[in-house]
Amino acid sequence: MLKTPITALTEGRKAPSSTLDPDRFDIQRTNAGRQLREREHETVGIVLRPGTPADAPACGNICYEAFKAICTAHNFPPDFPTPEEARGLLSMFLAHRDFYSVVAESEGRIVGSNFLDERSIIAGVGPITVDPTGQNRGVGGRLMQDVLDRAVQQKAVGVRLLQSGYHNRSLCLYTKLGFRTREPVSVLQGTPLGQRFVGYEVRPATTADVIACNQICNQVHGFDRAGELRDAIEQNTASVVEHLGRIAGYTTGIAFFGHSVAQTNRDLMALIGAAPEFGGPGFLLPTRNQEVFSHCLEAGLKLVFQMTLMTVGLYSEPAGAYMPSVLY
C-alpha cells in the first residue's frame, strides 16, 4: 500500500512482446459502452470532475462505507477496517502524479470516485466506490466509463481489474463493458510464516535491482511494472529473492496492493515465507497455482475470499509464477 505520494518513474518500459494480441481495445464499441452514453441523461444531476488531494476525506469515507456495506451484506470482512485507512489510501492516490482520479458530485456533494493506475503500459482500475445512499443512479457506470475513456486517450494497451467474487453485479457490469474473465484469485491471510528455503535468499530490493526485476516481469507478463517497483523500493516494501547468485523474483509487498513476479513457484514461496506481514485483507494468489496454494494452506494461512482477474485489451498467459495486486 502506498505510504507517501511518490513520482513514479517510467524508465525501462518496453513494448509488449510480439506474442500478445496487437489489437487495441475500443470501449466505445461495446454494447454496454453505447448504453452508458445513451443513458447519461438519466444522471443529468451528476457532475464528474478530476479528483484533488482535498477530496480525500469525503472520498475516503464513501470508500469505507461502500466496501463495508457490500462486504457485510455477503458476510465477509470489509476491505478497509477503519475509515482512516480508506482515507489514507485515497489521499496517496489523489496526490500521486501517475494515478488518474475522477470524482462524481451531486448538488455539490461528492457521491463517488474512481481511479486509474497509469504507472505501466497496462492500466489498473480502482477502487471504484459510490455512496451507499445513492446507489442505482448510474453513478458507478459513469465512473467506469470515464476511466476507460481516459485509458483510450492515454493510449493504454490494456486495462485490468480485480472484482470480488461474491459481487455478481460488478462482474456483470464489467463483462458488459468488454472485460474478459481470466482467472480466479484467492485472498490469503494469517500469521507470517517465517520460512526460509535453502539456496533462496530474500533481501530488500534496491534501485540497482530494477533492471533485473524488469527482465523477469517481461519474461512472465510481456511488459514491466517499473513504476510500481520504484515506488515500493522508495517505501521500503519491495524485496527480491536470489537463487544461484541471481535475482529470480521480486515483490512490491506480499499484500493486497502489492504484486509479485518470479521464475518458479519455489522463488515465489520464498518471498511469501519471508514476508513480515500480509498487508490489508491479505495477498492475492492465482487459485490455479495448486503448488503454492496448497503450500500456503498447509502452512496455516486461511482463504478470506475469492476475486476475479478481468482484462480488456492486451493480454497473454503468464509464463512464470506471479501474484497480482488488487489493481492487477
C-alpha atoms as a PDB file:
ATOM      1  CA  MET A   1       0.000   0.000   0.000  1.00  0.00           C
ATOM      2  CA  LEU A   2       1.301   3.458  -0.888  1.00  0.00           C
ATOM      3  CA  LYS A   3       2.616   5.418   2.086  1.00  0.00           C
ATOM      4  CA  THR A   4       3.722   8.672   0.501  1.00  0.00           C
ATOM      5  CA  PRO A   5       2.967  10.414  -2.783  1.00  0.00           C
ATOM      6  CA  ILE A   6       5.909   9.445  -4.974  1.00  0.00           C
ATOM      7  CA  THR A   7       6.699  10.384  -8.536  1.00  0.00           C
ATOM      8  CA  ALA A   8       6.631   7.084 -10.392  1.00  0.00           C
ATOM      9  CA  LEU A   9       9.478   6.782 -12.862  1.00  0.00           C
ATOM     10  CA  THR A  10       8.799   5.037 -16.122  1.00  0.00           C
ATOM     11  CA  GLU A  11      12.286   4.218 -17.401  1.00  0.00           C
ATOM     12  CA  GLY A  12      12.573   0.686 -18.576  1.00  0.00           C
ATOM     13  CA  ARG A  13       9.103   0.364 -20.046  1.00  0.00           C
ATOM     14  CA  LYS A  14       9.181  -1.864 -23.097  1.00  0.00           C
ATOM     15  CA  ALA A  15       6.783  -2.643 -25.878  1.00  0.00           C
ATOM     16  CA  PRO A  16       4.774  -5.801 -25.336  1.00  0.00           C
ATOM     17  CA  SER A  17       6.157  -8.958 -26.867  1.00  0.00           C
ATOM     18  CA  SER A  18       5.011  -9.962 -30.332  1.00  0.00           C
ATOM     19  CA  THR A  19       3.140 -12.944 -28.857  1.00  0.00           C
ATOM     20  CA  LEU A  20       0.476 -10.619 -27.480  1.00  0.00           C
ATOM     21  CA  ASP A  21      -2.723  -9.725 -29.306  1.00  0.00           C
ATOM     22  CA  PRO A  22      -1.889  -6.406 -31.041  1.00  0.00           C
ATOM     23  CA  ASP A  23      -5.500  -5.200 -31.242  1.00  0.00           C
ATOM     24  CA  ARG A  24      -6.168  -2.177 -29.090  1.00  0.00           C
ATOM     25  CA  PHE A  25      -9.425  -2.269 -27.179  1.00  0.00           C
ATOM     26  CA  ASP A  26     -12.132   0.234 -28.075  1.00  0.00           C
ATOM     27  CA  ILE A  27     -14.580   0.515 -25.210  1.00  0.00           C
ATOM     28  CA  GLN A  28     -16.815   2.870 -27.172  1.00  0.00           C
ATOM     29  CA  ARG A  29     -17.734  -0.005 -29.484  1.00  0.00           C
ATOM     30  CA  THR A  30     -19.090  -2.297 -26.771  1.00  0.00           C
ATOM     31  CA  ASN A  31     -22.845  -2.528 -26.311  1.00  0.00           C
ATOM     32  CA  ALA A  32     -22.521  -1.500 -22.672  1.00  0.00           C
ATOM     33  CA  GLY A  33     -20.406   1.492 -23.644  1.00  0.00           C
ATOM     34  CA  ARG A  34     -23.097   2.679 -26.035  1.00  0.00           C
ATOM     35  CA  GLN A  35     -25.811   2.039 -23.462  1.00  0.00           C
ATOM     36  CA  LEU A  36     -23.963   4.047 -20.825  1.00  0.00           C
ATOM     37  CA  ARG A  37     -23.648   7.000 -23.181  1.00  0.00           C
ATOM     38  CA  GLU A  38     -27.308   6.753 -24.211  1.00  0.00           C
ATOM     39  CA  ARG A  39     -28.369   6.761 -20.531  1.00  0.00           C
ATOM     40  CA  GLU A  40     -26.248   9.741 -19.469  1.00  0.00           C
ATOM     41  CA  HIS A  41     -29.398  11.876 -19.430  1.00  0.00           C
ATOM     42  CA  GLU A  42     -30.618   9.737 -16.517  1.00  0.00           C
ATOM     43  CA  THR A  43     -27.715  11.016 -14.405  1.00  0.00           C
ATOM     44  CA  VAL A  44     -28.037  14.621 -15.532  1.00  0.00           C
ATOM     45  CA  GLY A  45     -27.622  15.816 -11.925  1.00  0.00           C
ATOM     46  CA  ILE A  46     -24.286  14.028 -11.614  1.00  0.00           C
ATOM     47  CA  VAL A  47     -21.165  16.026 -12.441  1.00  0.00           C
ATOM     48  CA  LEU A  48     -17.791  14.354 -12.982  1.00  0.00           C
ATOM     49  CA  ARG A  49     -14.546  16.199 -12.344  1.00  0.00           C
ATOM     50  CA  PRO A  50     -10.874  15.385 -11.680  1.00  0.00           C
ATOM     51  CA  GLY A  51     -10.079  14.481  -8.110  1.00  0.00           C
ATOM     52  CA  THR A  52      -7.809  16.582  -5.894  1.00  0.00           C
ATOM     53  CA  PRO A  53      -5.993  15.862  -2.605  1.00  0.00           C
ATOM     54  CA  ALA A  54      -8.652  17.922  -0.835  1.00  0.00           C
ATOM     55  CA  ASP A  55     -11.228  15.264  -1.776  1.00  0.00           C
ATOM     56  CA  ALA A  56      -9.525  12.573   0.297  1.00  0.00           C
ATOM     57  CA  PRO A  57     -11.703  12.861   3.441  1.00  0.00           C
ATOM     58  CA  ALA A  58     -15.012  12.671   1.577  1.00  0.00           C
ATOM     59  CA  CYS A  59     -13.851  10.040  -0.919  1.00  0.00           C
ATOM     60  CA  GLY A  60     -12.243   8.005   1.835  1.00  0.00           C
ATOM     61  CA  ASN A  61     -15.386   7.963   3.947  1.00  0.00           C
ATOM     62  CA  ILE A  62     -17.502   6.868   0.978  1.00  0.00           C
ATOM     63  CA  CYS A  63     -14.929   4.204   0.092  1.00  0.00           C
ATOM     64  CA  TYR A  64     -15.072   2.800   3.615  1.00  0.00           C
ATOM     65  CA  GLU A  65     -18.869   2.827   3.827  1.00  0.00           C
ATOM     66  CA  ALA A  66     -19.328   1.368   0.342  1.00  0.00           C
ATOM     67  CA  PHE A  67     -16.985  -1.578   0.903  1.00  0.00           C
ATOM     68  CA  LYS A  68     -18.364  -2.121   4.402  1.00  0.00           C
ATOM     69  CA  ALA A  69     -21.902  -2.294   3.038  1.00  0.00           C
ATOM     70  CA  ILE A  70     -21.197  -4.780   0.251  1.00  0.00           C
ATOM     71  CA  CYS A  71     -18.852  -6.937   2.337  1.00  0.00           C
ATOM     72  CA  THR A  72     -21.124  -7.220   5.362  1.00  0.00           C
ATOM     73  CA  ALA A  73     -24.118  -7.918   3.116  1.00  0.00           C
ATOM     74  CA  HIS A  74     -22.289 -11.048   1.975  1.00  0.00           C
ATOM     75  CA  ASN A  75     -20.829 -11.898   5.397  1.00  0.00           C
ATOM     76  CA  PHE A  76     -17.234 -11.018   4.507  1.00  0.00           C
ATOM     77  CA  PRO A  77     -14.850  -8.729   6.403  1.00  0.00           C
ATOM     78  CA  PRO A  78     -14.573  -5.198   4.955  1.00  0.00           C
ATOM     79  CA  ASP A  79     -11.566  -4.380   2.779  1.00  0.00           C
ATOM     80  CA  PHE A  80     -10.824  -1.375   4.996  1.00  0.00           C
ATOM     81  CA  PRO A  81     -11.180  -1.967   8.764  1.00  0.00           C
ATOM     82  CA  THR A  82     -11.440   1.757   9.543  1.00  0.00           C
ATOM     83  CA  PRO A  83     -12.378   4.973   7.704  1.00  0.00           C
ATOM     84  CA  GLU A  84      -8.859   6.270   8.447  1.00  0.00           C
ATOM     85  CA  GLU A  85      -7.275   3.512   6.355  1.00  0.00           C
ATOM     86  CA  ALA A  86      -9.537   4.244   3.405  1.00  0.00           C
ATOM     87  CA  ARG A  87      -8.839   7.972   3.650  1.00  0.00           C
ATOM     88  CA  GLY A  88      -5.102   7.331   3.910  1.00  0.00           C
ATOM     89  CA  LEU A  89      -5.020   5.162   0.798  1.00  0.00           C
ATOM     90  CA  LEU A  90      -7.088   7.521  -1.335  1.00  0.00           C
ATOM     91  CA  SER A  91      -5.083  10.533  -0.182  1.00  0.00           C
ATOM     92  CA  MET A  92      -1.990   8.850  -1.638  1.00  0.00           C
ATOM     93  CA  PHE A  93      -3.737   8.033  -4.909  1.00  0.00           C
ATOM     94  CA  LEU A  94      -5.126  11.554  -5.220  1.00  0.00           C
ATOM     95  CA  ALA A  95      -1.663  13.059  -4.723  1.00  0.00           C
ATOM     96  CA  HIS A  96       0.229  10.635  -6.984  1.00  0.00           C
ATOM     97  CA  ARG A  97       1.085  12.037 -10.414  1.00  0.00           C
ATOM     98  CA  ASP A  98       0.629   8.655 -12.104  1.00  0.00           C
ATOM     99  CA  PHE A  99      -2.855   7.965 -10.758  1.00  0.00           C
ATOM    100  CA  TYR A 100      -5.780   9.429 -12.644  1.00  0.00           C
ATOM    101  CA  SER A 101      -8.773  10.170 -10.418  1.00  0.00           C
ATOM    102  CA  VAL A 102     -12.368  11.139 -11.120  1.00  0.00           C
ATOM    103  CA  VAL A 103     -14.958  12.309  -8.600  1.00  0.00           C
ATOM    104  CA  ALA A 104     -18.740  12.312  -9.004  1.00  0.00           C
ATOM    105  CA  GLU A 105     -20.749  15.126  -7.407  1.00  0.00           C
ATOM    106  CA  SER A 106     -24.456  15.669  -6.908  1.00  0.00           C
ATOM    107  CA  GLU A 107     -25.646  19.107  -5.841  1.00  0.00           C
ATOM    108  CA  GLY A 108     -22.102  19.979  -4.827  1.00  0.00           C
ATOM    109  CA  ARG A 109     -21.642  16.867  -2.681  1.00  0.00           C
ATOM    110  CA  ILE A 110     -19.208  14.055  -3.525  1.00  0.00           C
ATOM    111  CA  VAL A 111     -21.093  10.796  -4.146  1.00  0.00           C
ATOM    112  CA  GLY A 112     -18.381   8.570  -5.625  1.00  0.00           C
ATOM    113  CA  SER A 113     -14.907   8.235  -7.087  1.00  0.00           C
ATOM    114  CA  ASN A 114     -12.747   6.036  -9.270  1.00  0.00           C
ATOM    115  CA  PHE A 115      -9.031   5.699 -10.027  1.00  0.00           C
ATOM    116  CA  LEU A 116      -6.749   4.536 -12.825  1.00  0.00           C
ATOM    117  CA  ASP A 117      -3.180   3.427 -12.104  1.00  0.00           C
ATOM    118  CA  GLU A 118      -1.115   4.651 -15.063  1.00  0.00           C
ATOM    119  CA  ARG A 119       2.337   3.537 -13.910  1.00  0.00           C
ATOM    120  CA  SER A 120       2.629   0.917 -16.656  1.00  0.00           C
ATOM    121  CA  ILE A 121       1.538   0.375 -20.264  1.00  0.00           C
ATOM    122  CA  ILE A 122      -1.303  -1.643 -18.723  1.00  0.00           C
ATOM    123  CA  ALA A 123      -3.656   0.464 -16.594  1.00  0.00           C
ATOM    124  CA  GLY A 124      -5.303  -0.789 -13.397  1.00  0.00           C
ATOM    125  CA  VAL A 125      -8.786   0.268 -12.263  1.00  0.00           C
ATOM    126  CA  GLY A 126      -9.903   1.008  -8.736  1.00  0.00           C
ATOM    127  CA  PRO A 127     -11.001   1.358  -6.151  1.00  0.00           C
ATOM    128  CA  ILE A 128     -14.360   2.461  -7.541  1.00  0.00           C
ATOM    129  CA  THR A 129     -16.923   3.355  -4.887  1.00  0.00           C
ATOM    130  CA  VAL A 130     -20.316   5.031  -4.759  1.00  0.00           C
ATOM    131  CA  ASP A 131     -22.120   6.409  -1.705  1.00  0.00           C
ATOM    132  CA  PRO A 132     -24.376   3.544  -0.497  1.00  0.00           C
ATOM    133  CA  THR A 133     -27.217   6.036  -0.058  1.00  0.00           C
ATOM    134  CA  GLY A 134     -27.038   6.974  -3.740  1.00  0.00           C
ATOM    135  CA  GLN A 135     -26.880   3.583  -5.430  1.00  0.00           C
ATOM    136  CA  ASN A 136     -28.836   2.619  -8.571  1.00  0.00           C
ATOM    137  CA  ARG A 137     -28.495   6.038 -10.194  1.00  0.00           C
ATOM    138  CA  GLY A 138     -25.937   5.053 -12.812  1.00  0.00           C
ATOM    139  CA  VAL A 139     -23.054   6.776 -10.995  1.00  0.00           C
ATOM    140  CA  GLY A 140     -20.868   3.672 -10.994  1.00  0.00           C
ATOM    141  CA  GLY A 141     -21.337   3.146 -14.704  1.00  0.00           C
ATOM    142  CA  ARG A 142     -20.321   6.716 -15.489  1.00  0.00           C
ATOM    143  CA  LEU A 143     -17.263   6.486 -13.247  1.00  0.00           C
ATOM    144  CA  MET A 144     -16.193   3.302 -15.039  1.00  0.00           C
ATOM    145  CA  GLN A 145     -16.813   4.796 -18.472  1.00  0.00           C
ATOM    146  CA  ASP A 146     -14.753   7.835 -17.523  1.00  0.00           C
ATOM    147  CA  VAL A 147     -11.613   5.885 -16.584  1.00  0.00           C
ATOM    148  CA  LEU A 148     -11.944   3.667 -19.653  1.00  0.00           C
ATOM    149  CA  ASP A 149     -12.182   6.766 -21.850  1.00  0.00           C
ATOM    150  CA  ARG A 150      -9.080   8.047 -20.079  1.00  0.00           C
ATOM    151  CA  ALA A 151      -7.239   4.803 -20.836  1.00  0.00           C
ATOM    152  CA  VAL A 152      -8.064   5.168 -24.526  1.00  0.00           C
ATOM    153  CA  GLN A 153      -6.910   8.802 -24.519  1.00  0.00           C
ATOM    154  CA  GLN A 154      -3.629   7.832 -22.838  1.00  0.00           C
ATOM    155  CA  LYS A 155      -3.120   5.024 -25.370  1.00  0.00           C
ATOM    156  CA  ALA A 156      -3.005   2.290 -22.770  1.00  0.00           C
ATOM    157  CA  VAL A 157      -2.667  -1.073 -24.476  1.00  0.00           C
ATOM    158  CA  GLY A 158      -4.947  -2.703 -21.926  1.00  0.00           C
ATOM    159  CA  VAL A 159      -6.888  -2.252 -18.710  1.00  0.00           C
ATOM    160  CA  ARG A 160      -7.191  -4.731 -15.842  1.00  0.00           C
ATOM    161  CA  LEU A 161      -9.005  -5.028 -12.549  1.00  0.00           C
ATOM    162  CA  LEU A 162      -9.955  -7.498  -9.856  1.00  0.00           C
ATOM    163  CA  GLN A 163     -13.510  -7.773  -8.575  1.00  0.00           C
ATOM    164  CA  SER A 164     -14.807  -9.569  -5.510  1.00  0.00           C
ATOM    165  CA  GLY A 165     -16.147 -12.978  -6.450  1.00  0.00           C
ATOM    166  CA  TYR A 166     -19.295 -12.552  -4.346  1.00  0.00           C
ATOM    167  CA  HIS A 167     -20.266  -9.290  -6.063  1.00  0.00           C
ATOM    168  CA  ASN A 168     -22.341 -10.546  -9.000  1.00  0.00           C
ATOM    169  CA  ARG A 169     -23.453  -7.093 -10.058  1.00  0.00           C
ATOM    170  CA  SER A 170     -19.956  -5.755 -10.683  1.00  0.00           C
ATOM    171  CA  LEU A 171     -18.967  -8.943 -12.533  1.00  0.00           C
ATOM    172  CA  CYS A 172     -21.877  -8.472 -14.913  1.00  0.00           C
ATOM    173  CA  LEU A 173     -21.191  -4.746 -15.409  1.00  0.00           C
ATOM    174  CA  TYR A 174     -17.519  -5.286 -16.223  1.00  0.00           C
ATOM    175  CA  THR A 175     -18.355  -8.140 -18.572  1.00  0.00           C
ATOM    176  CA  LYS A 176     -20.827  -5.921 -20.441  1.00  0.00           C
ATOM    177  CA  LEU A 177     -18.125  -3.254 -20.685  1.00  0.00           C
ATOM    178  CA  GLY A 178     -15.913  -5.699 -22.575  1.00  0.00           C
ATOM    179  CA  PHE A 179     -13.786  -7.161 -19.781  1.00  0.00           C
ATOM    180  CA  ARG A 180     -12.899 -10.840 -20.026  1.00  0.00           C
ATOM    181  CA  THR A 181     -12.606 -13.118 -17.026  1.00  0.00           C
ATOM    182  CA  ARG A 182      -9.076 -14.538 -16.910  1.00  0.00           C
ATOM    183  CA  GLU A 183      -8.860 -16.474 -13.662  1.00  0.00           C
ATOM    184  CA  PRO A 184      -9.997 -16.738 -10.035  1.00  0.00           C
ATOM    185  CA  VAL A 185      -7.639 -15.356  -7.415  1.00  0.00           C
ATOM    186  CA  SER A 186      -7.575 -16.291  -3.724  1.00  0.00           C
ATOM    187  CA  VAL A 187      -7.039 -13.712  -0.983  1.00  0.00           C
ATOM    188  CA  LEU A 188      -4.977 -15.318   1.795  1.00  0.00           C
ATOM    189  CA  GLN A 189      -4.296 -14.044   5.311  1.00  0.00           C
ATOM    190  CA  GLY A 190      -2.751 -15.312   8.523  1.00  0.00           C
ATOM    191  CA  THR A 191       0.324 -15.272  10.732  1.00  0.00           C
ATOM    192  CA  PRO A 192       3.583 -14.555   8.842  1.00  0.00           C
ATOM    193  CA  LEU A 193       5.237 -17.872   8.019  1.00  0.00           C
ATOM    194  CA  GLY A 194       8.840 -17.055   8.891  1.00  0.00           C
ATOM    195  CA  GLN A 195      10.061 -19.662   6.396  1.00  0.00           C
ATOM    196  CA  ARG A 196      13.466 -19.901   4.732  1.00  0.00           C
ATOM    197  CA  PHE A 197      14.397 -22.158   1.844  1.00  0.00           C
ATOM    198  CA  VAL A 198      17.928 -23.455   1.402  1.00  0.00           C
ATOM    199  CA  GLY A 199      19.529 -21.788  -1.614  1.00  0.00           C
ATOM    200  CA  TYR A 200      16.994 -18.950  -1.748  1.00  0.00           C
ATOM    201  CA  GLU A 201      17.973 -15.633  -0.197  1.00  0.00           C
ATOM    202  CA  VAL A 202      15.356 -12.908   0.270  1.00  0.00           C
ATOM    203  CA  ARG A 203      16.556  -9.348   0.863  1.00  0.00           C
ATOM    204  CA  PRO A 204      15.265  -5.773   0.469  1.00  0.00           C
ATOM    205  CA  ALA A 205      15.224  -4.542  -3.116  1.00  0.00           C
ATOM    206  CA  THR A 206      17.337  -1.572  -4.208  1.00  0.00           C
ATOM    207  CA  THR A 207      17.342   0.638  -7.283  1.00  0.00           C
ATOM    208  CA  ALA A 208      20.254  -1.421  -8.602  1.00  0.00           C
ATOM    209  CA  ASP A 209      17.849  -4.385  -8.865  1.00  0.00           C
ATOM    210  CA  VAL A 210      15.294  -2.674 -11.097  1.00  0.00           C
ATOM    211  CA  ILE A 211      16.739  -3.803 -14.438  1.00  0.00           C
ATOM    212  CA  ALA A 212      16.914  -7.470 -13.385  1.00  0.00           C
ATOM    213  CA  CYS A 213      13.411  -7.321 -11.919  1.00  0.00           C
ATOM    214  CA  ASN A 214      12.051  -5.706 -15.084  1.00  0.00           C
ATOM    215  CA  GLN A 215      13.566  -8.513 -17.142  1.00  0.00           C
ATOM    216  CA  ILE A 216      11.767 -11.132 -15.051  1.00  0.00           C
ATOM    217  CA  CYS A 217       8.465  -9.256 -15.285  1.00  0.00           C
ATOM    218  CA  ASN A 218       8.899  -9.035 -19.060  1.00  0.00           C
ATOM    219  CA  GLN A 219       9.577 -12.760 -19.222  1.00  0.00           C
ATOM    220  CA  VAL A 220       6.433 -13.574 -17.238  1.00  0.00           C
ATOM    221  CA  HIS A 221       3.967 -10.926 -18.444  1.00  0.00           C
ATOM    222  CA  GLY A 222       5.413  -9.376 -21.603  1.00  0.00           C
ATOM    223  CA  PHE A 223       5.858  -5.932 -20.009  1.00  0.00           C
ATOM    224  CA  ASP A 224       7.447  -4.471 -16.902  1.00  0.00           C
ATOM    225  CA  ARG A 225       5.979  -2.643 -13.914  1.00  0.00           C
ATOM    226  CA  ALA A 226       8.967  -0.419 -13.186  1.00  0.00           C
ATOM    227  CA  GLY A 227       6.912   2.494 -11.840  1.00  0.00           C
ATOM    228  CA  GLU A 228       5.316   0.391  -9.121  1.00  0.00           C
ATOM    229  CA  LEU A 229       8.621  -1.282  -8.302  1.00  0.00           C
ATOM    230  CA  ARG A 230      10.406   2.044  -7.861  1.00  0.00           C
ATOM    231  CA  ASP A 231       7.610   3.319  -5.636  1.00  0.00           C
ATOM    232  CA  ALA A 232       7.869   0.191  -3.471  1.00  0.00           C
ATOM    233  CA  ILE A 233      11.660   0.465  -3.222  1.00  0.00           C
ATOM    234  CA  GLU A 234      11.287   4.060  -2.065  1.00  0.00           C
ATOM    235  CA  GLN A 235       8.738   2.922   0.528  1.00  0.00           C
ATOM    236  CA  ASN A 236      10.954   0.022   1.698  1.00  0.00           C
ATOM    237  CA  THR A 237       8.291  -2.599   0.931  1.00  0.00           C
ATOM    238  CA  ALA A 238       9.979  -4.284  -2.054  1.00  0.00           C
ATOM    239  CA  SER A 239      12.055  -7.471  -1.790  1.00  0.00           C
ATOM    240  CA  VAL A 240      13.946  -9.725  -4.182  1.00  0.00           C
ATOM    241  CA  VAL A 241      14.758 -13.412  -3.974  1.00  0.00           C
ATOM    242  CA  GLU A 242      18.142 -14.609  -5.194  1.00  0.00           C
ATOM    243  CA  HIS A 243      18.870 -18.175  -6.302  1.00  0.00           C
ATOM    244  CA  LEU A 244      22.248 -19.419  -7.529  1.00  0.00           C
ATOM    245  CA  GLY A 245      23.614 -15.895  -7.252  1.00  0.00           C
ATOM    246  CA  ARG A 246      20.982 -14.271  -9.477  1.00  0.00           C
ATOM    247  CA  ILE A 247      17.705 -12.451  -8.864  1.00  0.00           C
ATOM    248  CA  ALA A 248      14.907 -14.940  -9.522  1.00  0.00           C
ATOM    249  CA  GLY A 249      11.893 -12.903  -8.445  1.00  0.00           C
ATOM    250  CA  TYR A 250      10.634  -9.823  -6.653  1.00  0.00           C
ATOM    251  CA  THR A 251       7.654  -8.448  -4.777  1.00  0.00           C
ATOM    252  CA  THR A 252       6.459  -4.909  -4.146  1.00  0.00           C
ATOM    253  CA  GLY A 253       4.943  -6.308  -0.952  1.00  0.00           C
ATOM    254  CA  ILE A 254       3.130  -9.526  -0.049  1.00  0.00           C
ATOM    255  CA  ALA A 255      -0.024  -7.506   0.440  1.00  0.00           C
ATOM    256  CA  PHE A 256      -3.363  -6.501  -1.051  1.00  0.00           C
ATOM    257  CA  PHE A 257      -1.820  -3.669  -3.052  1.00  0.00           C
ATOM    258  CA  GLY A 258       1.462  -5.451  -3.849  1.00  0.00           C
ATOM    259  CA  HIS A 259       2.333  -7.630  -6.841  1.00  0.00           C
ATOM    260  CA  SER A 260       4.967 -10.348  -7.176  1.00  0.00           C
ATOM    261  CA  VAL A 261       6.710 -11.990 -10.122  1.00  0.00           C
ATOM    262  CA  ALA A 262       9.082 -14.966 -10.056  1.00  0.00           C
ATOM    263  CA  GLN A 263      10.666 -17.505 -12.353  1.00  0.00           C
ATOM    264  CA  THR A 264       9.466 -20.528 -10.370  1.00  0.00           C
ATOM    265  CA  ASN A 265       6.982 -21.421  -7.644  1.00  0.00           C
ATOM    266  CA  ARG A 266       9.891 -22.051  -5.276  1.00  0.00           C
ATOM    267  CA  ASP A 267      11.040 -18.454  -5.745  1.00  0.00           C
ATOM    268  CA  LEU A 268       7.510 -17.249  -5.047  1.00  0.00           C
ATOM    269  CA  MET A 269       7.198 -19.382  -1.909  1.00  0.00           C
ATOM    270  CA  ALA A 270      10.487 -17.969  -0.633  1.00  0.00           C
ATOM    271  CA  LEU A 271       9.111 -14.424  -0.985  1.00  0.00           C
ATOM    272  CA  ILE A 272       5.882 -15.376   0.804  1.00  0.00           C
ATOM    273  CA  GLY A 273       7.774 -17.217   3.525  1.00  0.00           C
ATOM    274  CA  ALA A 274       9.974 -14.205   4.276  1.00  0.00           C
ATOM    275  CA  ALA A 275       7.159 -11.627   4.406  1.00  0.00           C
ATOM    276  CA  PRO A 276       6.970  -9.871   7.815  1.00  0.00           C
ATOM    277  CA  GLU A 277       3.218  -9.315   7.365  1.00  0.00           C
ATOM    278  CA  PHE A 278       0.418  -9.647   4.841  1.00  0.00           C
ATOM    279  CA  GLY A 279      -0.886  -6.118   4.394  1.00  0.00           C
ATOM    280  CA  GLY A 280      -4.574  -5.320   4.066  1.00  0.00           C
ATOM    281  CA  PRO A 281      -7.166  -8.095   3.755  1.00  0.00           C
ATOM    282  CA  GLY A 282      -4.367 -10.374   2.519  1.00  0.00           C
ATOM    283  CA  PHE A 283      -2.250 -11.165  -0.531  1.00  0.00           C
ATOM    284  CA  LEU A 284      -3.656 -12.416  -3.820  1.00  0.00           C
ATOM    285  CA  LEU A 285      -2.647 -15.781  -5.288  1.00  0.00           C
ATOM    286  CA  PRO A 286      -3.983 -17.274  -8.538  1.00  0.00           C
ATOM    287  CA  THR A 287      -6.107 -20.194  -7.344  1.00  0.00           C
ATOM    288  CA  ARG A 288      -4.964 -22.451 -10.181  1.00  0.00           C
ATOM    289  CA  ASN A 289      -1.404 -22.380  -8.799  1.00  0.00           C
ATOM    290  CA  GLN A 290      -2.055 -25.565  -6.865  1.00  0.00           C
ATOM    291  CA  GLU A 291       1.511 -25.987  -5.609  1.00  0.00           C
ATOM    292  CA  VAL A 292       1.735 -22.601  -3.936  1.00  0.00           C
ATOM    293  CA  PHE A 293      -1.923 -22.541  -2.868  1.00  0.00           C
ATOM    294  CA  SER A 294      -1.660 -25.888  -1.083  1.00  0.00           C
ATOM    295  CA  HIS A 295       1.672 -24.872   0.448  1.00  0.00           C
ATOM    296  CA  CYS A 296       0.059 -21.753   1.943  1.00  0.00           C
ATOM    297  CA  LEU A 297      -2.933 -23.678   3.289  1.00  0.00           C
ATOM    298  CA  GLU A 298      -0.719 -26.355   4.828  1.00  0.00           C
ATOM    299  CA  ALA A 299       1.324 -23.588   6.471  1.00  0.00           C
ATOM    300  CA  GLY A 300      -1.799 -22.361   8.234  1.00  0.00           C
ATOM    301  CA  LEU A 301      -2.936 -19.464   6.048  1.00  0.00           C
ATOM    302  CA  LYS A 302      -6.669 -19.009   5.558  1.00  0.00           C
ATOM    303  CA  LEU A 303      -8.711 -18.229   2.475  1.00  0.00           C
ATOM    304  CA  VAL A 304     -10.519 -14.929   3.079  1.00  0.00           C
ATOM    305  CA  PHE A 305     -12.446 -14.660  -0.186  1.00  0.00           C
ATOM    306  CA  GLN A 306     -12.098 -15.120  -3.934  1.00  0.00           C
ATOM    307  CA  MET A 307     -11.593 -12.429  -6.534  1.00  0.00           C
ATOM    308  CA  THR A 308     -11.723 -12.464 -10.311  1.00  0.00           C
ATOM    309  CA  LEU A 309      -8.976 -11.105 -12.575  1.00  0.00           C
ATOM    310  CA  MET A 310     -10.554  -9.364 -15.568  1.00  0.00           C
ATOM    311  CA  THR A 311      -8.892  -7.713 -18.555  1.00  0.00           C
ATOM    312  CA  VAL A 312      -9.696  -5.776 -21.682  1.00  0.00           C
ATOM    313  CA  GLY A 313      -7.103  -5.221 -24.399  1.00  0.00           C
ATOM    314  CA  LEU A 314      -3.636  -6.705 -24.441  1.00  0.00           C
ATOM    315  CA  TYR A 315      -3.200  -9.960 -22.530  1.00  0.00           C
ATOM    316  CA  SER A 316      -1.038 -13.091 -22.619  1.00  0.00           C
ATOM    317  CA  GLU A 317      -0.949 -16.094 -20.316  1.00  0.00           C
ATOM    318  CA  PRO A 318       1.747 -15.570 -17.643  1.00  0.00           C
ATOM    319  CA  ALA A 319       4.922 -17.524 -18.398  1.00  0.00           C
ATOM    320  CA  GLY A 320       6.002 -17.966 -14.789  1.00  0.00           C
ATOM    321  CA  ALA A 321       4.874 -17.610 -11.199  1.00  0.00           C
ATOM    322  CA  TYR A 322       3.087 -14.420 -10.191  1.00  0.00           C
ATOM    323  CA  MET A 323       0.695 -12.815  -7.748  1.00  0.00           C
ATOM    324  CA  PRO A 324      -1.363  -9.752  -8.756  1.00  0.00           C
ATOM    325  CA  SER A 325      -2.166  -6.730  -6.651  1.00  0.00           C
ATOM    326  CA  VAL A 326      -5.807  -5.821  -6.177  1.00  0.00           C
ATOM    327  CA  LEU A 327      -5.327  -3.386  -9.091  1.00  0.00           C
ATOM    328  CA  TYR A 328      -3.975  -6.249 -11.263  1.00  0.00           C
END
